[in-house]
Amino acid sequence: PDHTLSHGFPPMHQPLLPEDPTAADFKQELRRKSKLVEEPIDMDSPEIRELEKFASEFKVRRIKLALYNEKVGANE
């Protein structure tokens, strides 16, 4: 007998992750959304402008917090 591959475990006849309905639905939804991504993005859309505004404000807040933490650390 070939003991190098058996290790005492029975052979696996079922996949480790069976296809349940939710996994199948998720895969189908992912495929559908990936097709939508192929459409060109309007870089001047309100959503993009809103995202850029948020990113800019977040960057400023992060810099202010870093400066504040630096000052607090220097006073200790």
C-alpha atoms as a PDB file:
ATOM      1  CA  PRO A   1       0.000   0.000   0.000  1.00  0.00           C
ATOM      2  CA  ASP A   2       1.064   3.559  -0.694  1.00  0.00           C
ATOM      3  CA  HIS A   3       1.239   5.251   2.711  1.00  0.00           C
ATOM      4  CA  THR A   4       2.910   8.445   1.539  1.00  0.00           C
ATOM      5  CA  LEU A   5      -0.335  10.092   0.435  1.00  0.00           C
ATOM      6  CA  SER A   6      -2.974   8.544   2.692  1.00  0.00           C
ATOM      7  CA  HIS A   7      -1.957   9.835   6.156  1.00  0.00           C
ATOM      8  CA  GLY A   8      -4.891   7.874   7.577  1.00  0.00           C
ATOM      9  CA  PHE A   9      -7.535  10.228   6.159  1.00  0.00           C
ATOM     10  CA  PRO A  10     -10.384   8.918   4.010  1.00  0.00           C
ATOM     11  CA  PRO A  11     -10.427  10.207   0.426  1.00  0.00           C
ATOM     12  CA  MET A  12     -12.414  13.390  -0.078  1.00  0.00           C
ATOM     13  CA  HIS A  13     -15.325  12.992  -2.470  1.00  0.00           C
ATOM     14  CA  GLN A  14     -17.032  16.319  -1.742  1.00  0.00           C
ATOM     15  CA  PRO A  15     -15.617  19.792  -2.323  1.00  0.00           C
ATOM     16  CA  LEU A  16     -14.418  21.623   0.772  1.00  0.00           C
ATOM     17  CA  LEU A  17     -16.777  24.506   0.054  1.00  0.00           C
ATOM     18  CA  PRO A  18     -20.030  23.145  -1.351  1.00  0.00           C
ATOM     19  CA  GLU A  19     -22.062  25.308  -3.693  1.00  0.00           C
ATOM     20  CA  ASP A  20     -24.885  26.617  -1.564  1.00  0.00           C
ATOM     21  CA  PRO A  21     -27.514  28.987  -2.982  1.00  0.00           C
ATOM     22  CA  THR A  22     -26.059  32.065  -1.290  1.00  0.00           C
ATOM     23  CA  ALA A  23     -22.579  31.416  -2.706  1.00  0.00           C
ATOM     24  CA  ALA A  24     -24.038  30.900  -6.174  1.00  0.00           C
ATOM     25  CA  ASP A  25     -26.102  34.094  -5.854  1.00  0.00           C
ATOM     26  CA  PHE A  26     -23.015  35.978  -4.691  1.00  0.00           C
ATOM     27  CA  LYS A  27     -20.973  34.766  -7.668  1.00  0.00           C
ATOM     28  CA  GLN A  28     -23.756  35.723 -10.081  1.00  0.00           C
ATOM     29  CA  GLU A  29     -24.053  39.184  -8.506  1.00  0.00           C
ATOM     30  CA  LEU A  30     -20.272  39.633  -8.660  1.00  0.00           C
ATOM     31  CA  ARG A  31     -20.240  38.746 -12.355  1.00  0.00           C
ATOM     32  CA  ARG A  32     -23.086  41.201 -13.007  1.00  0.00           C
ATOM     33  CA  LYS A  33     -21.323  44.015 -11.150  1.00  0.00           C
ATOM     34  CA  SER A  34     -17.988  43.337 -12.837  1.00  0.00           C
ATOM     35  CA  LYS A  35     -19.697  43.893 -16.194  1.00  0.00           C
ATOM     36  CA  LEU A  36     -20.943  47.270 -14.969  1.00  0.00           C
ATOM     37  CA  VAL A  37     -17.397  48.299 -14.050  1.00  0.00           C
ATOM     38  CA  GLU A  38     -16.365  47.975 -17.677  1.00  0.00           C
ATOM     39  CA  GLU A  39     -18.484  51.024 -18.510  1.00  0.00           C
ATOM     40  CA  PRO A  40     -16.485  54.284 -18.678  1.00  0.00           C
ATOM     41  CA  ILE A  41     -16.567  56.391 -15.531  1.00  0.00           C
ATOM     42  CA  ASP A  42     -17.572  60.043 -15.806  1.00  0.00           C
ATOM     43  CA  MET A  43     -14.740  61.757 -13.916  1.00  0.00           C
ATOM     44  CA  ASP A  44     -16.807  64.940 -13.649  1.00  0.00           C
ATOM     45  CA  SER A  45     -19.852  63.280 -12.071  1.00  0.00           C
ATOM     46  CA  PRO A  46     -21.272  64.591  -8.781  1.00  0.00           C
ATOM     47  CA  GLU A  47     -20.238  61.346  -7.059  1.00  0.00           C
ATOM     48  CA  ILE A  48     -16.600  61.779  -8.117  1.00  0.00           C
ATOM     49  CA  ARG A  49     -16.558  65.444  -7.050  1.00  0.00           C
ATOM     50  CA  GLU A  50     -18.085  64.489  -3.690  1.00  0.00           C
ATOM     51  CA  LEU A  51     -15.469  61.761  -3.209  1.00  0.00           C
ATOM     52  CA  GLU A  52     -12.623  64.147  -4.070  1.00  0.00           C
ATOM     53  CA  LYS A  53     -14.009  66.728  -1.617  1.00  0.00           C
ATOM     54  CA  PHE A  54     -14.219  64.103   1.131  1.00  0.00           C
ATOM     55  CA  ALA A  55     -10.665  62.914   0.411  1.00  0.00           C
ATOM     56  CA  SER A  56      -9.330  66.467   0.571  1.00  0.00           C
ATOM     57  CA  GLU A  57     -11.130  67.231   3.843  1.00  0.00           C
ATOM     58  CA  PHE A  58      -9.989  63.922   5.329  1.00  0.00           C
ATOM     59  CA  LYS A  59      -6.373  64.652   4.389  1.00  0.00           C
ATOM     60  CA  VAL A  60      -6.519  68.070   6.090  1.00  0.00           C
ATOM     61  CA  ARG A  61      -8.065  66.556   9.240  1.00  0.00           C
ATOM     62  CA  ARG A  62      -5.409  63.829   9.315  1.00  0.00           C
ATOM     63  CA  ILE A  63      -2.596  66.411   9.041  1.00  0.00           C
ATOM     64  CA  LYS A  64      -4.145  68.561  11.791  1.00  0.00           C
ATOM     65  CA  LEU A  65      -4.452  65.517  14.052  1.00  0.00           C
ATOM     66  CA  ALA A  66      -0.820  64.581  13.438  1.00  0.00           C
ATOM     67  CA  LEU A  67       0.309  68.124  14.298  1.00  0.00           C
ATOM     68  CA  TYR A  68      -1.866  68.112  17.437  1.00  0.00           C
ATOM     69  CA  ASN A  69      -0.460  64.758  18.542  1.00  0.00           C
ATOM     70  CA  GLU A  70       3.057  66.013  17.907  1.00  0.00           C
ATOM     71  CA  LYS A  71       2.448  69.074  20.127  1.00  0.00           C
ATOM     72  CA  VAL A  72       0.870  66.975  22.890  1.00  0.00           C
ATOM     73  CA  GLY A  73       3.789  64.543  22.780  1.00  0.00           C
ATOM     74  CA  ALA A  74       6.301  67.420  23.047  1.00  0.00           C
ATOM     75  CA  ASN A  75       4.625  68.772  26.212  1.00  0.00           C
ATOM     76  CA  GLU A  76       5.048  65.539  28.163  1.00  0.00           C
END
